[in-house]
Protein backbone atom coordinates (compact mmCIF):
# COMPACT_ATOMS: atom_id res chain seq x y z
CA MET A 1 81.17 94.43 93.91
CA ASP A 2 83.24 93.09 91.02
CA ILE A 3 85.41 95.64 89.23
CA GLN A 4 87.04 94.94 85.88
CA LEU A 5 90.20 97.02 85.55
CA SER A 6 90.97 98.37 82.08
CA ALA A 7 94.05 99.79 80.36
CA ILE A 8 93.09 103.22 81.70
CA HIS A 9 93.40 101.99 85.28
CA TRP A 10 96.80 100.41 84.74
CA VAL A 11 98.16 103.40 82.85
CA TYR A 12 96.98 105.67 85.67
CA VAL A 13 98.73 103.47 88.25
CA ALA A 14 101.94 103.42 86.20
CA PHE A 15 102.04 107.21 85.94
CA ILE A 16 101.29 107.59 89.67
CA ALA A 17 104.25 105.34 90.51
CA PHE A 18 106.48 107.36 88.19
CA ILE A 19 105.29 110.69 89.62
CA LEU A 20 105.76 109.58 93.24
CA ALA A 21 109.26 108.29 92.43
CA LEU A 22 110.19 111.65 90.93
CA LEU A 23 108.77 113.52 93.93
CA VAL A 24 110.89 111.44 96.28
CA LYS A 25 113.94 112.27 94.17
CA ARG A 26 112.89 115.95 94.20
CA ARG A 27 112.55 116.13 90.43
CA ASP A 28 109.95 118.15 88.55
CA THR A 29 106.89 116.17 87.48
CA THR A 30 105.05 118.61 85.18
CA LEU A 31 106.13 116.90 81.96
CA ILE A 32 105.18 113.45 83.26
CA CYS A 33 101.75 114.67 84.37
CA VAL A 34 101.08 116.23 80.96
CA ALA A 35 102.18 112.98 79.32
CA GLY A 36 99.83 111.07 81.63
CA ILE A 37 96.88 113.31 80.76
CA PHE A 38 97.61 112.92 77.05
CA THR A 39 97.95 109.13 77.30
CA LEU A 40 94.74 108.68 79.28
CA GLY A 41 92.93 110.99 76.87
CA LEU A 42 94.25 109.07 73.89
CA ILE A 43 93.04 105.75 75.31
CA ALA A 44 89.63 107.20 76.21
CA THR A 45 88.93 109.15 73.02
CA GLU A 46 91.09 107.26 70.53
CA SER A 47 91.74 110.69 69.05
CA ILE A 48 94.91 112.76 69.07
CA GLY A 49 92.84 115.94 68.84
CA GLY A 50 90.68 114.92 71.80
CA SER A 51 93.67 114.01 73.94
CA VAL A 52 95.53 117.23 73.09
CA SER A 53 92.43 119.30 73.91
CA GLY A 54 92.10 117.30 77.12
CA ILE A 55 95.44 118.63 78.33
CA PHE A 56 94.24 122.23 78.19
CA ASN A 57 90.77 121.42 79.51
CA SER A 58 92.26 119.50 82.43
CA PHE A 59 94.31 122.59 83.32
CA ILE A 60 91.11 124.66 83.30
CA TYR A 61 89.36 122.08 85.48
CA ALA A 62 92.20 122.04 88.02
CA THR A 63 92.39 125.84 88.10
CA LYS A 64 88.66 126.11 88.82
CA GLU A 65 89.00 123.61 91.65
CA LEU A 66 91.98 125.47 93.13
CA LEU A 67 90.82 129.03 92.48
CA GLY A 68 89.48 129.69 95.98
CA THR A 69 92.75 128.57 97.53
CA ILE A 70 94.78 130.63 95.05
CA PHE A 71 92.79 133.74 95.94
CA ILE A 72 92.97 133.40 99.73
CA ILE A 73 96.73 132.79 99.59
CA SER A 74 97.28 135.73 97.23
CA ILE A 75 95.24 138.11 99.39
CA ILE A 76 96.93 137.04 102.62
CA VAL A 77 100.35 137.54 101.01
CA ALA A 78 99.33 141.01 99.74
CA MET A 79 98.13 141.96 103.22
CA SER A 80 101.27 140.56 104.86
CA ARG A 81 103.43 142.61 102.50
CA VAL A 82 101.95 145.95 103.54
CA LEU A 83 102.13 144.96 107.22
CA ILE A 84 105.82 144.17 106.86
CA ILE A 85 106.70 147.35 104.95
CA THR A 86 104.91 149.56 107.47
CA GLY A 87 106.32 147.76 110.52
CA ILE A 88 102.85 146.85 111.76
CA ASN A 89 103.81 143.20 111.60
CA GLU A 90 106.78 143.81 113.91
CA THR A 91 104.61 145.57 116.49
CA MET A 92 101.85 142.98 116.25
CA ILE A 93 104.00 139.94 116.90
CA LYS A 94 106.19 141.38 119.64
CA PRO A 95 103.96 140.23 122.56
CA LEU A 96 103.83 136.69 121.19
CA THR A 97 107.59 136.26 121.29
CA GLY A 98 107.31 135.85 125.05
CA PHE A 99 105.33 132.61 124.57
CA LEU A 100 107.01 131.13 121.50
CA ARG A 101 110.59 131.71 122.59
CA THR A 102 112.31 128.74 120.95
CA PRO A 103 111.93 126.72 117.73
CA THR A 104 110.56 123.82 119.78
CA LEU A 105 107.88 125.94 121.45
CA ALA A 106 107.04 127.54 118.10
CA PHE A 107 106.62 124.17 116.36
CA TRP A 108 104.35 122.66 119.00
CA GLY A 109 102.58 125.95 119.76
CA ILE A 110 101.67 126.58 116.12
CA GLY A 111 100.66 122.95 115.74
CA ILE A 112 98.33 122.87 118.74
CA ILE A 113 96.72 126.20 117.83
CA MET A 114 96.24 124.93 114.28
CA LEU A 115 94.68 121.73 115.61
CA LEU A 116 92.16 123.57 117.78
CA THR A 117 91.28 126.04 115.03
CA SER A 118 90.88 123.31 112.41
CA LEU A 119 88.56 121.25 114.59
CA PHE A 120 86.02 124.08 114.47
CA PHE A 121 86.57 125.60 111.03
CA TRP A 122 88.54 123.03 109.01
CA PRO A 123 92.19 123.60 108.08
CA SER A 124 92.18 125.94 105.07
CA PRO A 125 90.86 129.05 106.83
CA GLY A 126 92.95 128.07 109.85
CA VAL A 127 96.14 128.10 107.78
CA ALA A 128 95.43 131.61 106.51
CA LEU A 129 94.55 132.91 109.96
CA ILE A 130 97.45 131.33 111.87
CA GLY A 131 100.00 131.93 109.14
CA ALA A 132 99.26 135.63 109.02
CA VAL A 133 99.68 136.06 112.77
CA LEU A 134 102.08 133.39 114.07
CA LEU A 135 104.44 132.65 111.17
CA PRO A 136 106.50 135.83 111.68
CA VAL A 137 106.91 134.92 115.36
CA ALA A 138 108.10 131.43 114.48
CA LEU A 139 110.64 132.78 112.00
CA ARG A 140 111.90 135.29 114.53
CA VAL A 141 112.69 132.62 117.13
CA GLY A 142 114.47 130.38 114.63
CA LEU A 143 111.84 127.89 113.45
CA PRO A 144 112.36 127.39 109.70
CA ALA A 145 109.41 128.31 107.50
CA LEU A 146 109.26 124.71 106.33
CA GLY A 147 109.07 123.56 109.95
CA ALA A 148 106.10 125.86 110.54
CA ALA A 149 104.44 124.51 107.39
CA VAL A 150 104.98 120.92 108.58
CA ALA A 151 103.43 121.75 111.95
CA MET A 152 100.37 123.45 110.45
CA ASN A 153 100.00 120.68 107.90
CA LEU A 154 100.25 117.66 110.21
CA PHE A 155 98.16 119.10 113.03
CA GLY A 156 95.50 120.70 110.82
CA HIS A 157 95.11 118.69 107.61
CA GLY A 158 96.23 115.54 109.40
CA ILE A 159 95.06 115.18 113.00
CA ALA A 160 92.11 117.59 113.03
CA LEU A 161 90.70 116.68 109.62
CA SER A 162 91.08 112.91 109.99
CA GLY A 163 89.11 112.94 113.24
CA ASP A 164 86.77 115.81 112.35
CA TYR A 165 85.06 115.52 115.73
CA ILE A 166 83.30 118.90 115.73
CA ILE A 167 82.04 119.37 112.16
CA GLN A 168 81.76 115.57 111.67
CA GLY A 169 81.80 115.69 107.87
CA ALA A 170 84.29 112.82 107.48
CA PRO A 171 82.84 110.37 110.04
CA LYS A 172 79.31 111.02 108.71
CA LEU A 173 80.34 109.97 105.19
CA THR A 174 82.21 106.86 106.28
CA ALA A 175 79.61 105.85 108.87
CA ASP A 176 76.74 106.11 106.38
CA ALA A 177 78.63 103.99 103.85
CA ALA A 178 79.41 101.39 106.50
CA GLY A 179 75.87 101.36 107.88
CA LEU A 180 77.01 102.43 111.34
CA PRO A 181 76.07 105.25 113.75
CA VAL A 182 78.39 108.27 113.46
CA SER A 183 79.13 108.13 117.18
CA GLN A 184 80.40 104.56 116.86
CA VAL A 185 82.87 105.44 114.09
CA MET A 186 84.03 108.55 115.98
CA ALA A 187 84.62 106.54 119.15
CA ALA A 188 86.58 103.91 117.22
CA SER A 189 88.69 106.58 115.54
CA VAL A 190 89.92 108.19 118.78
CA PRO A 191 92.80 105.76 119.52
CA LEU A 192 93.77 105.64 115.84
CA VAL A 193 93.81 109.44 115.46
CA ILE A 194 95.83 109.78 118.67
CA VAL A 195 98.40 107.18 117.61
CA MET A 196 98.66 108.58 114.08
CA GLY A 197 98.97 112.13 115.36
CA LEU A 198 101.58 111.39 118.00
CA VAL A 199 103.76 109.24 115.75
CA THR A 200 103.76 111.59 112.76
CA THR A 201 104.34 114.82 114.67
CA ILE A 202 107.04 113.38 116.92
CA VAL A 203 108.87 111.78 113.99
CA ALA A 204 108.58 114.97 111.92
CA PHE A 205 109.87 117.11 114.80
CA TRP A 206 112.75 114.73 115.52
CA MET A 207 113.75 114.68 111.85
CA MET A 208 113.62 118.47 111.66
CA ARG A 209 115.78 118.96 114.77
CA ARG A 210 118.24 116.28 113.61
CA ASP A 211 118.65 117.82 110.17
CA MET A 212 118.93 121.35 111.56
CA LYS A 213 121.66 120.19 113.92
CA ASN A 214 123.53 118.46 111.10
CA GLY A 215 123.11 121.40 108.72
CA LYS A 216 121.04 119.31 106.31
CA TRP A 217 117.76 121.17 106.63
CA ASN A 218 116.54 122.57 103.32
CA ASP A 219 113.89 125.19 103.95
CA GLY A 220 112.42 124.81 100.47
CA PHE A 221 112.01 128.57 100.34
CA VAL A 222 110.21 130.29 97.49
CA ALA A 223 109.74 134.04 97.15
CA VAL A 224 106.92 135.45 99.23
CA GLY A 225 105.88 138.81 100.63
CA ARG A 226 108.17 138.59 103.66
CA GLU A 227 111.26 140.55 104.63
CA GLU A 228 113.39 138.63 102.16
CA ALA A 229 111.26 139.55 99.15
CA GLY A 230 109.85 142.51 97.33
CA THR A 231 111.21 145.80 96.12
CA LYS A 232 109.17 148.38 98.03
CA ALA A 233 111.00 150.54 100.52
CA ALA A 234 109.94 150.59 104.16
CA VAL A 235 107.21 153.11 105.02
CA ASN A 236 107.14 154.98 108.31
CA LEU A 237 103.92 155.25 110.28
CA PRO A 238 103.35 157.23 113.50
CA ALA A 239 103.92 154.94 116.44
CA SER A 240 100.37 155.46 117.69
CA VAL A 241 98.83 154.47 114.35
CA LYS A 242 101.11 151.45 114.08
CA LYS A 243 100.20 150.30 117.58
CA ALA A 244 96.48 150.83 116.98
CA LEU A 245 96.57 148.72 113.80
CA ALA A 246 98.69 146.06 115.50
CA ILE A 247 95.96 145.71 118.13
CA ALA A 248 93.04 145.98 115.71
CA ILE A 249 94.20 143.33 113.23
CA PRO A 250 94.27 140.35 115.66
CA ILE A 251 90.95 141.58 117.08
CA LEU A 252 89.41 141.57 113.60
CA PHE A 253 90.58 138.02 112.99
CA ALA A 254 89.31 137.02 116.46
CA ILE A 255 85.92 138.47 115.51
CA ASP A 256 86.07 136.33 112.36
CA VAL A 257 86.54 133.27 114.53
CA ALA A 258 83.59 134.27 116.71
CA VAL A 259 81.40 134.85 113.64
CA MET A 260 82.39 131.47 112.20
CA PHE A 261 81.42 129.81 115.43
CA ALA A 262 78.18 131.77 115.89
CA PHE A 263 76.93 131.27 112.33
CA ASP A 264 78.43 127.82 111.78
CA LEU A 265 80.61 128.98 108.87
CA GLN A 266 82.87 126.23 107.55
CA GLY A 267 85.14 125.49 104.62
CA GLY A 268 84.71 127.97 101.79
CA ASP A 269 82.44 130.30 103.76
CA ALA A 270 84.98 130.58 106.57
CA THR A 271 87.80 131.14 104.08
CA ALA A 272 85.79 133.87 102.35
CA LEU A 273 85.28 135.70 105.65
CA ILE A 274 88.99 135.66 106.40
CA GLY A 275 89.83 136.70 102.83
CA GLY A 276 87.41 139.62 102.92
CA THR A 277 88.80 140.75 106.28
CA ALA A 278 92.34 140.59 104.87
CA VAL A 279 91.31 142.81 101.92
CA VAL A 280 89.83 145.39 104.31
CA ILE A 281 93.01 145.37 106.42
CA LEU A 282 95.12 145.72 103.27
CA ILE A 283 93.14 148.76 102.09
CA VAL A 284 93.08 150.53 105.45
CA ALA A 285 96.78 149.96 106.16
CA THR A 286 97.77 151.01 102.64
CA MET A 287 95.71 154.22 102.70
CA LEU A 288 97.13 155.20 106.10
CA ALA A 289 100.69 154.40 105.08
CA HIS A 290 100.78 155.79 101.54
CA ARG A 291 98.11 158.50 101.83
CA ASN A 292 97.70 160.22 98.46
CA ARG A 293 99.43 157.26 96.77
CA GLY A 294 97.13 154.81 98.54
CA LEU A 295 94.86 154.12 95.55
CA GLU A 296 97.75 153.08 93.35
CA GLU A 297 99.61 151.22 96.08
CA THR A 298 96.54 149.14 96.98
CA THR A 299 96.50 147.85 93.42
CA SER A 300 100.25 147.31 93.54
CA TYR A 301 100.04 145.15 96.67
CA LEU A 302 97.23 143.07 95.17
CA ILE A 303 99.29 142.56 92.02
CA GLU A 304 102.23 141.35 94.15
CA GLY A 305 99.94 138.96 95.98
CA PHE A 306 98.41 137.49 92.86
CA GLN A 307 101.79 137.25 91.14
CA PHE A 308 102.97 135.20 94.08
CA GLY A 309 99.82 133.05 94.13
CA PHE A 310 100.00 132.09 90.48
CA ARG A 311 103.77 131.68 90.60
CA VAL A 312 103.39 129.15 93.39
CA PHE A 313 100.40 127.38 91.86
CA GLY A 314 101.78 127.34 88.32
CA PRO A 315 103.82 124.12 88.75
CA VAL A 316 101.03 122.51 90.77
CA ILE A 317 98.16 122.91 88.29
CA PRO A 318 99.43 120.24 85.81
CA ILE A 319 99.93 117.78 88.65
CA ALA A 320 96.49 118.51 90.09
CA ALA A 321 95.02 118.17 86.59
CA PHE A 322 96.42 114.65 86.28
CA PHE A 323 95.29 113.46 89.70
CA TYR A 324 91.82 114.97 89.33
CA LEU A 325 91.37 112.55 86.43
CA GLY A 326 91.26 109.83 89.08
CA ASP A 327 87.87 111.10 90.18
CA SER A 328 84.99 112.92 88.47
CA ALA A 329 87.18 114.99 86.14
CA PHE A 330 87.79 112.05 83.79
CA LYS A 331 84.17 111.64 82.72
CA GLU A 332 83.68 115.39 82.49
CA LEU A 333 86.69 115.82 80.20
CA PHE A 334 86.71 112.60 78.18
CA GLY A 335 83.17 111.24 78.56
CA ASP A 336 82.14 108.03 80.31
CA GLY A 337 82.40 105.65 77.36
CA ALA A 338 85.80 104.30 78.41
CA LEU A 339 84.76 104.01 82.07
CA LEU A 340 81.12 103.01 81.71
CA GLY A 341 79.74 101.95 85.08
CA SER A 342 82.86 103.14 86.88
CA HIS A 343 82.84 105.17 90.09
CA GLY A 344 86.15 106.81 89.21
CA ILE A 345 89.60 105.40 88.55
CA VAL A 346 90.88 105.59 92.13
CA ASN A 347 87.67 104.16 93.57
CA ASP A 348 87.82 101.28 91.08
CA LEU A 349 91.41 100.58 92.12
CA GLY A 350 90.42 100.58 95.78
CA VAL A 351 87.57 98.13 95.24
CA ALA A 352 89.78 95.88 93.11
CA LEU A 353 92.38 95.79 95.87
CA ALA A 354 89.75 94.96 98.49
CA ASN A 355 88.37 92.14 96.35
CA SER A 356 91.75 90.53 95.76
CA VAL A 357 92.88 89.79 99.32
CA PRO A 358 92.02 87.00 101.82
CA MET A 359 90.06 87.80 104.97
CA ASN A 360 91.60 88.05 108.44
CA GLY A 361 92.10 90.90 110.87
CA ALA A 362 95.65 91.74 109.85
CA VAL A 363 95.04 91.62 106.10
CA ALA A 364 91.77 93.53 106.47
CA SER A 365 93.51 96.34 108.39
CA VAL A 366 96.40 96.59 105.93
CA THR A 367 93.97 96.54 103.01
CA LEU A 368 91.79 99.30 104.51
CA THR A 369 94.87 101.47 105.01
CA ALA A 370 95.99 100.83 101.44
CA THR A 371 92.50 101.41 100.06
CA GLY A 372 92.16 104.68 101.96
CA ALA A 373 95.58 105.83 100.79
CA ILE A 374 94.78 104.98 97.16
CA THR A 375 91.47 106.84 97.22
CA GLY A 376 93.30 109.84 98.72
CA LEU A 377 95.54 110.16 95.69
CA ASP A 378 93.11 112.55 94.01
CA GLY A 379 94.05 115.11 96.64
CA SER A 380 90.60 115.47 98.14
CA GLY A 381 90.71 113.06 101.05
CA PHE A 382 86.91 113.07 101.17
CA SER A 383 86.12 111.68 97.71
CA GLY A 384 87.01 108.10 98.64
CA ILE A 385 85.93 107.79 102.26
CA SER A 386 82.48 106.53 101.32
CA LEU A 387 84.26 103.74 99.49
CA VAL A 388 86.38 102.80 102.52
CA GLY A 389 83.21 102.70 104.61
CA SER A 390 81.67 100.24 102.16
CA VAL A 391 84.83 98.13 102.05
CA ALA A 392 85.05 98.13 105.85
CA HIS A 393 81.46 96.91 106.06
CA MET A 394 82.21 94.11 103.60
CA PHE A 395 85.30 93.02 105.54
CA SER A 396 83.60 93.19 108.92
CA VAL A 397 80.80 90.92 107.70
CA ALA A 398 83.41 88.36 106.63
CA LEU A 399 85.31 88.72 109.92
CA GLY A 400 82.25 88.97 112.17
CA SER A 401 83.65 92.04 113.96
CA GLY A 402 85.68 95.25 113.67
CA ALA A 403 83.33 97.31 111.48
CA ALA A 404 83.84 100.61 113.31
CA THR A 405 87.60 100.21 113.69
CA LEU A 406 88.11 99.29 110.03
CA THR A 407 85.90 102.18 108.92
CA ALA A 408 87.84 104.64 111.09
CA LEU A 409 91.16 103.25 109.86
CA GLY A 410 90.20 103.76 106.21
CA GLN A 411 89.03 107.27 107.01
CA VAL A 412 92.31 108.16 108.74
CA ALA A 413 94.40 106.80 105.85
CA ALA A 414 92.35 108.53 103.14
CA ILE A 415 92.42 111.93 104.79
CA TRP A 416 96.06 111.87 105.86
CA VAL A 417 97.12 111.03 102.31
CA GLY A 418 94.61 113.07 100.34
CA GLY A 419 93.50 115.73 102.79
CA GLY A 420 96.67 117.75 102.65
CA THR A 421 99.85 116.11 103.97
CA LEU A 422 101.27 114.17 101.00
CA ILE A 423 99.64 115.29 97.73
CA PRO A 424 101.42 118.52 96.68
CA TRP A 425 98.41 120.58 95.59
CA ALA A 426 96.36 119.52 98.62
CA LEU A 427 98.98 120.97 100.97
CA ILE A 428 99.35 124.17 98.95
CA PRO A 429 97.67 126.41 101.59
CA ALA A 430 100.28 125.71 104.27
CA ALA A 431 103.15 125.75 101.77
CA ALA A 432 102.10 129.03 100.20
CA ILE A 433 101.41 130.88 103.45
CA CYS A 434 104.83 129.82 104.76
CA GLY A 435 106.55 130.59 101.46
CA VAL A 436 107.98 127.12 100.88
CA SER A 437 107.85 124.63 98.03
CA PRO A 438 104.81 122.33 98.24
CA PHE A 439 106.96 119.55 96.78
CA GLU A 440 109.57 119.97 99.51
CA LEU A 441 106.80 120.01 102.12
CA ALA A 442 105.34 116.79 100.70
CA ARG A 443 108.78 115.19 100.78
CA ARG A 444 109.31 116.24 104.40
CA ASN A 445 105.91 114.81 105.37
CA LEU A 446 106.36 111.54 103.49
CA LYS A 447 108.41 109.52 105.98
CA PRO A 448 106.55 110.65 109.15
CA VAL A 449 103.16 109.96 107.54
CA LEU A 450 104.18 106.54 106.22
CA ILE A 451 105.62 105.57 109.61
CA GLY A 452 102.45 106.85 111.27
CA LEU A 453 100.21 104.84 108.96
CA ALA A 454 102.25 101.70 109.60
CA VAL A 455 102.06 102.06 113.38
CA THR A 456 98.37 102.98 113.29
CA THR A 457 97.61 99.95 111.14
CA VAL A 458 99.37 97.68 113.63
CA VAL A 459 97.30 99.20 116.45
CA ALA A 460 94.13 98.67 114.41
CA ILE A 461 95.00 95.00 113.92
CA PHE A 462 94.83 94.49 117.69
CA LEU A 463 91.57 96.45 117.95
CA VAL A 464 89.69 94.64 115.16
């Protein structure tokens, strides 16, 4: 498939390079993203009015896409706040401190639990569930909040989602595009997912321990409904009530897990179940703790939660708005006249890259990794994996082998980059639950993920 790149494609690439450079330097990128939206809109519409309107409309588009995540984070934070103020949180996590006794055990324990949960229900509901229960334990034993976020992020949105062996959403998309059986792509992905997972998590853990030892660890903390934040005074509950709620809350979340499994609830449905359960817990705990002030305090906790949610997401929405233009948002906001026949900016860039390289095993593997990473820049991870399946099929025909390995490699690269480990708004769930900056979390993930992709690509070269 021959793709003719236009000015829109090159402008998009230039702004991406600028944004990524600023993220590495830990500078704010909101202004650059707004400038990028305006510039792309100006090229597409040839109208200042249309490009200015596009800025606002792109914000609306991004907010609609992120709204479910904003709500679940806000509700979990509101619930956590009342649990902390009443001391229920303290009682609930006490038994777990016997298992997660050190920062090392907390990092790997949270990661493995996140991995297992995400395999069955995908990462977003897993983040909310695990963060609400295990994050306080991790903080108590000395694991930084950012370290917990890294663990949840790499194990859930990285390892579990890139393999997706239970739900099989990702391998089904890539396998169909490559014309292969799903089982063949899944089998080929196993060594790549293992290598990628081991390299990234070990490197991330080593970097965290090194920086903590040298006093260079920046926790990237932002205000959240934990002990360090808020203005409400502690509320005393009878010990029996506190203990009963501390037992009931994990049981309720465990029932959620059982219901998800029994009724095959995934993604948004699973998140909605956890969110609704958190609201019920918030109301019951608030009414028991504040009694005749319970009606007003319930509203107050929800306000705190939503204030936190929108405060955290506020800087992310302009960035998400820009990157969403790389996919379907562009045609919805600016029409398809400027990109007639296009499958989206990032997909066009991926195809152009694939068409511009010579064919051998090494180049094919590197190109599939690069193509997957490029298509992941829209922050979805899934939007471009059909493309990498098609590209892998094209390369394997030229090479005469390696179709399943190349398909799996492109899938791993696309989901690790776009599924929630490097793009700031894609990793918002873990960042928000842990109360850390999503930009700092992306920066912490950058080196381990890039090293992991490099090593995994080398392994793929020998398997092709």
